[in-house]
């Protein structure tokens, strides 16, 4: 039991994990504050949803997390390590997904919902809207990457 507790303690105090969680929470907090100050938050439950769960918007928390992960692993293990190469691959796939696939899916879902609503208004079909997944603009992803990089850098250097 003592070994399990030691392993758990090492896991939750791991600087890479802490940096990644901090970068994700920072991006979510910035995103929430932007929405709050622009008057786009209508309830306390929406505020908490924005803070902990909702995707999309500026900055990308996914990008911040994977950028921080690659940065901290690069500093701690070296950019020539296999684990850094793995984190870099994970970073590239996540960024591609955030800007490409998820954004395209969200745009497509929005158009399908418009068509569905028009057909439902004309009585042609019954329509239940599909979920519009929010992807990110390149700027949102870039700012998330910069945020994650600097948070990772700070955790490694300070």
C-alpha atoms as a PDB file:
ATOM      1  CA  UNK A   1       0.000   0.000   0.000  1.00  0.00           C
ATOM      2  CA  UNK A   2       2.876   2.373   0.775  1.00  0.00           C
ATOM      3  CA  UNK A   3       4.302   1.919  -2.743  1.00  0.00           C
ATOM      4  CA  UNK A   4       0.916   2.727  -4.318  1.00  0.00           C
ATOM      5  CA  UNK A   5       0.626   5.904  -2.254  1.00  0.00           C
ATOM      6  CA  UNK A   6       4.159   6.909  -3.241  1.00  0.00           C
ATOM      7  CA  UNK A   7       3.356   6.336  -6.918  1.00  0.00           C
ATOM      8  CA  UNK A   8       0.135   8.369  -6.626  1.00  0.00           C
ATOM      9  CA  UNK A   9       2.007  11.196  -4.913  1.00  0.00           C
ATOM     10  CA  UNK A  10       4.690  11.196  -7.613  1.00  0.00           C
ATOM     11  CA  UNK A  11       1.986  11.254 -10.285  1.00  0.00           C
ATOM     12  CA  UNK A  12      -0.039  14.170  -8.894  1.00  0.00           C
ATOM     13  CA  UNK A  13       3.088  16.210  -8.118  1.00  0.00           C
ATOM     14  CA  UNK A  14       4.664  15.612 -11.534  1.00  0.00           C
ATOM     15  CA  UNK A  15       5.704  19.039 -12.899  1.00  0.00           C
ATOM     16  CA  UNK A  16       4.673  18.102 -16.453  1.00  0.00           C
ATOM     17  CA  UNK A  17       1.172  17.154 -15.292  1.00  0.00           C
ATOM     18  CA  UNK A  18       0.841  20.278 -13.159  1.00  0.00           C
ATOM     19  CA  UNK A  19       2.038  22.515 -16.011  1.00  0.00           C
ATOM     20  CA  UNK A  20      -0.418  20.917 -18.451  1.00  0.00           C
ATOM     21  CA  UNK A  21      -3.354  21.268 -16.064  1.00  0.00           C
ATOM     22  CA  UNK A  22      -2.349  24.871 -15.366  1.00  0.00           C
ATOM     23  CA  UNK A  23      -2.150  25.687 -19.092  1.00  0.00           C
ATOM     24  CA  UNK A  24      -5.566  24.126 -19.773  1.00  0.00           C
ATOM     25  CA  UNK A  25      -7.179  25.931 -16.827  1.00  0.00           C
ATOM     26  CA  UNK A  26      -5.498  29.224 -17.821  1.00  0.00           C
ATOM     27  CA  UNK A  27      -6.849  28.978 -21.375  1.00  0.00           C
ATOM     28  CA  UNK A  28     -10.322  28.110 -20.085  1.00  0.00           C
ATOM     29  CA  UNK A  29     -10.203  31.025 -17.619  1.00  0.00           C
ATOM     30  CA  UNK A  30      -9.132  33.489 -20.319  1.00  0.00           C
ATOM     31  CA  UNK A  31     -11.857  32.157 -22.626  1.00  0.00           C
ATOM     32  CA  UNK A  32     -14.461  32.517 -19.862  1.00  0.00           C
ATOM     33  CA  UNK A  33     -13.352  36.053 -18.976  1.00  0.00           C
ATOM     34  CA  UNK A  34     -13.526  37.116 -22.632  1.00  0.00           C
ATOM     35  CA  UNK A  35     -17.089  35.769 -22.907  1.00  0.00           C
ATOM     36  CA  UNK A  36     -18.063  37.250 -19.533  1.00  0.00           C
ATOM     37  CA  UNK A  37     -16.786  40.760 -20.301  1.00  0.00           C
ATOM     38  CA  UNK A  38     -18.287  40.722 -23.794  1.00  0.00           C
ATOM     39  CA  UNK A  39     -21.718  39.979 -22.292  1.00  0.00           C
ATOM     40  CA  UNK A  40     -22.069  36.500 -23.780  1.00  0.00           C
ATOM     41  CA  UNK A  41     -22.663  34.696 -20.472  1.00  0.00           C
ATOM     42  CA  UNK A  42     -26.315  34.517 -19.434  1.00  0.00           C
ATOM     43  CA  UNK A  43     -26.242  32.348 -16.299  1.00  0.00           C
ATOM     44  CA  UNK A  44     -24.028  31.011 -13.549  1.00  0.00           C
ATOM     45  CA  UNK A  45     -24.330  27.476 -14.934  1.00  0.00           C
ATOM     46  CA  UNK A  46     -23.150  28.717 -18.341  1.00  0.00           C
ATOM     47  CA  UNK A  47     -20.213  30.417 -16.628  1.00  0.00           C
ATOM     48  CA  UNK A  48     -19.135  27.139 -15.003  1.00  0.00           C
ATOM     49  CA  UNK A  49     -19.688  25.241 -18.255  1.00  0.00           C
ATOM     50  CA  UNK A  50     -17.427  27.709 -20.050  1.00  0.00           C
ATOM     51  CA  UNK A  51     -14.802  27.482 -17.350  1.00  0.00           C
ATOM     52  CA  UNK A  52     -14.555  23.695 -17.212  1.00  0.00           C
ATOM     53  CA  UNK A  53     -16.085  22.109 -20.268  1.00  0.00           C
ATOM     54  CA  UNK A  54     -16.992  24.133 -23.351  1.00  0.00           C
ATOM     55  CA  UNK A  55     -14.738  23.965 -26.388  1.00  0.00           C
ATOM     56  CA  UNK A  56     -14.109  26.511 -29.115  1.00  0.00           C
ATOM     57  CA  UNK A  57     -13.312  30.230 -28.798  1.00  0.00           C
ATOM     58  CA  UNK A  58     -10.174  32.149 -27.901  1.00  0.00           C
ATOM     59  CA  UNK A  59      -7.729  30.759 -26.846  1.00  0.00           C
ATOM     60  CA  UNK A  60      -7.763  27.064 -27.642  1.00  0.00           C
ATOM     61  CA  UNK A  61      -7.318  25.104 -24.416  1.00  0.00           C
ATOM     62  CA  UNK A  62      -6.491  21.955 -26.408  1.00  0.00           C
ATOM     63  CA  UNK A  63      -3.667  23.804 -28.146  1.00  0.00           C
ATOM     64  CA  UNK A  64      -2.437  25.278 -24.865  1.00  0.00           C
ATOM     65  CA  UNK A  65      -2.318  21.853 -23.224  1.00  0.00           C
ATOM     66  CA  UNK A  66      -0.498  19.997 -26.006  1.00  0.00           C
ATOM     67  CA  UNK A  67       1.907  22.891 -26.563  1.00  0.00           C
ATOM     68  CA  UNK A  68       2.707  22.928 -22.855  1.00  0.00           C
ATOM     69  CA  UNK A  69       3.121  19.133 -22.863  1.00  0.00           C
ATOM     70  CA  UNK A  70       5.606  19.184 -25.757  1.00  0.00           C
ATOM     71  CA  UNK A  71       7.473  22.141 -24.265  1.00  0.00           C
ATOM     72  CA  UNK A  72       7.879  20.642 -20.793  1.00  0.00           C
ATOM     73  CA  UNK A  73       8.847  17.226 -22.138  1.00  0.00           C
ATOM     74  CA  UNK A  74      11.322  18.854 -24.550  1.00  0.00           C
ATOM     75  CA  UNK A  75      12.967  20.735 -21.695  1.00  0.00           C
ATOM     76  CA  UNK A  76      12.960  17.853 -19.211  1.00  0.00           C
ATOM     77  CA  UNK A  77      13.840  14.924 -21.502  1.00  0.00           C
ATOM     78  CA  UNK A  78      15.509  16.656 -24.444  1.00  0.00           C
ATOM     79  CA  UNK A  79      14.225  17.286 -27.944  1.00  0.00           C
ATOM     80  CA  UNK A  80      16.097  14.211 -29.150  1.00  0.00           C
ATOM     81  CA  UNK A  81      14.156  11.852 -26.822  1.00  0.00           C
ATOM     82  CA  UNK A  82      11.534   9.433 -28.070  1.00  0.00           C
ATOM     83  CA  UNK A  83       8.980  10.774 -25.579  1.00  0.00           C
ATOM     84  CA  UNK A  84       9.430  14.297 -26.978  1.00  0.00           C
ATOM     85  CA  UNK A  85       8.879  12.968 -30.517  1.00  0.00           C
ATOM     86  CA  UNK A  86       5.703  11.265 -29.271  1.00  0.00           C
ATOM     87  CA  UNK A  87       4.492  14.500 -27.630  1.00  0.00           C
ATOM     88  CA  UNK A  88       5.318  16.451 -30.798  1.00  0.00           C
ATOM     89  CA  UNK A  89       3.283  13.997 -32.889  1.00  0.00           C
ATOM     90  CA  UNK A  90       0.396  14.309 -30.421  1.00  0.00           C
ATOM     91  CA  UNK A  91       0.731  18.105 -30.634  1.00  0.00           C
ATOM     92  CA  UNK A  92       0.600  18.113 -34.452  1.00  0.00           C
ATOM     93  CA  UNK A  93      -2.425  15.788 -34.606  1.00  0.00           C
ATOM     94  CA  UNK A  94      -4.296  17.841 -32.008  1.00  0.00           C
ATOM     95  CA  UNK A  95      -3.554  21.145 -33.771  1.00  0.00           C
ATOM     96  CA  UNK A  96      -4.590  19.724 -37.145  1.00  0.00           C
ATOM     97  CA  UNK A  97      -7.808  18.439 -35.617  1.00  0.00           C
ATOM     98  CA  UNK A  98      -8.605  21.736 -33.853  1.00  0.00           C
ATOM     99  CA  UNK A  99      -8.130  23.851 -36.964  1.00  0.00           C
ATOM    100  CA  UNK A 100      -9.182  21.423 -39.661  1.00  0.00           C
ATOM    101  CA  UNK A 101     -11.469  18.517 -38.938  1.00  0.00           C
ATOM    102  CA  UNK A 102     -13.419  19.887 -35.953  1.00  0.00           C
ATOM    103  CA  UNK A 103     -13.872  23.313 -37.541  1.00  0.00           C
ATOM    104  CA  UNK A 104     -15.057  21.827 -40.832  1.00  0.00           C
ATOM    105  CA  UNK A 105     -17.457  19.523 -38.985  1.00  0.00           C
ATOM    106  CA  UNK A 106     -18.873  22.451 -37.044  1.00  0.00           C
ATOM    107  CA  UNK A 107     -19.417  24.531 -40.190  1.00  0.00           C
ATOM    108  CA  UNK A 108     -21.037  21.562 -41.912  1.00  0.00           C
ATOM    109  CA  UNK A 109     -23.335  20.915 -38.932  1.00  0.00           C
ATOM    110  CA  UNK A 110     -24.412  24.570 -38.917  1.00  0.00           C
ATOM    111  CA  UNK A 111     -25.387  24.407 -42.606  1.00  0.00           C
ATOM    112  CA  UNK A 112     -27.227  21.103 -42.111  1.00  0.00           C
ATOM    113  CA  UNK A 113     -29.161  22.607 -39.204  1.00  0.00           C
ATOM    114  CA  UNK A 114     -30.189  25.607 -41.334  1.00  0.00           C
ATOM    115  CA  UNK A 115     -31.416  23.307 -44.111  1.00  0.00           C
ATOM    116  CA  UNK A 116     -33.210  21.102 -41.585  1.00  0.00           C
ATOM    117  CA  UNK A 117     -34.970  24.078 -39.985  1.00  0.00           C
ATOM    118  CA  UNK A 118     -36.083  25.384 -43.393  1.00  0.00           C
ATOM    119  CA  UNK A 119     -37.479  21.976 -44.365  1.00  0.00           C
ATOM    120  CA  UNK A 120     -39.205  21.649 -40.984  1.00  0.00           C
ATOM    121  CA  UNK A 121     -40.793  25.124 -41.335  1.00  0.00           C
ATOM    122  CA  UNK A 122     -42.242  24.080 -44.694  1.00  0.00           C
ATOM    123  CA  UNK A 123     -43.638  20.917 -43.125  1.00  0.00           C
ATOM    124  CA  UNK A 124     -41.553  18.641 -45.338  1.00  0.00           C
ATOM    125  CA  UNK A 125     -39.749  16.835 -42.509  1.00  0.00           C
ATOM    126  CA  UNK A 126     -39.543  16.700 -38.747  1.00  0.00           C
ATOM    127  CA  UNK A 127     -36.137  17.929 -37.723  1.00  0.00           C
ATOM    128  CA  UNK A 128     -34.025  17.567 -34.611  1.00  0.00           C
ATOM    129  CA  UNK A 129     -30.874  19.748 -34.789  1.00  0.00           C
ATOM    130  CA  UNK A 130     -27.496  18.039 -34.730  1.00  0.00           C
ATOM    131  CA  UNK A 131     -24.717  19.149 -32.403  1.00  0.00           C
ATOM    132  CA  UNK A 132     -22.541  21.902 -33.840  1.00  0.00           C
ATOM    133  CA  UNK A 133     -19.013  21.061 -32.710  1.00  0.00           C
ATOM    134  CA  UNK A 134     -16.961  24.195 -32.345  1.00  0.00           C
ATOM    135  CA  UNK A 135     -13.521  24.016 -33.844  1.00  0.00           C
ATOM    136  CA  UNK A 136     -11.026  26.836 -33.753  1.00  0.00           C
ATOM    137  CA  UNK A 137      -9.811  29.546 -36.061  1.00  0.00           C
ATOM    138  CA  UNK A 138      -6.080  29.538 -36.780  1.00  0.00           C
ATOM    139  CA  UNK A 139      -5.673  32.597 -34.511  1.00  0.00           C
ATOM    140  CA  UNK A 140      -7.361  30.838 -31.564  1.00  0.00           C
ATOM    141  CA  UNK A 141      -5.069  27.834 -32.022  1.00  0.00           C
ATOM    142  CA  UNK A 142      -1.975  30.008 -32.397  1.00  0.00           C
ATOM    143  CA  UNK A 143      -2.720  31.968 -29.204  1.00  0.00           C
ATOM    144  CA  UNK A 144      -3.388  28.692 -27.354  1.00  0.00           C
ATOM    145  CA  UNK A 145      -0.035  27.337 -28.549  1.00  0.00           C
ATOM    146  CA  UNK A 146       1.799  30.482 -27.454  1.00  0.00           C
ATOM    147  CA  UNK A 147       0.079  30.407 -24.056  1.00  0.00           C
ATOM    148  CA  UNK A 148       0.947  26.730 -23.558  1.00  0.00           C
ATOM    149  CA  UNK A 149       4.539  27.237 -24.679  1.00  0.00           C
ATOM    150  CA  UNK A 150       5.146  30.081 -22.221  1.00  0.00           C
ATOM    151  CA  UNK A 151       3.449  28.273 -19.345  1.00  0.00           C
ATOM    152  CA  UNK A 152       5.535  25.173 -20.079  1.00  0.00           C
ATOM    153  CA  UNK A 153       8.649  27.321 -20.318  1.00  0.00           C
ATOM    154  CA  UNK A 154       7.851  29.004 -16.998  1.00  0.00           C
ATOM    155  CA  UNK A 155       7.343  25.663 -15.251  1.00  0.00           C
ATOM    156  CA  UNK A 156      10.702  24.420 -16.570  1.00  0.00           C
ATOM    157  CA  UNK A 157      12.783  27.527 -15.985  1.00  0.00           C
ATOM    158  CA  UNK A 158      11.326  28.964 -12.782  1.00  0.00           C
END
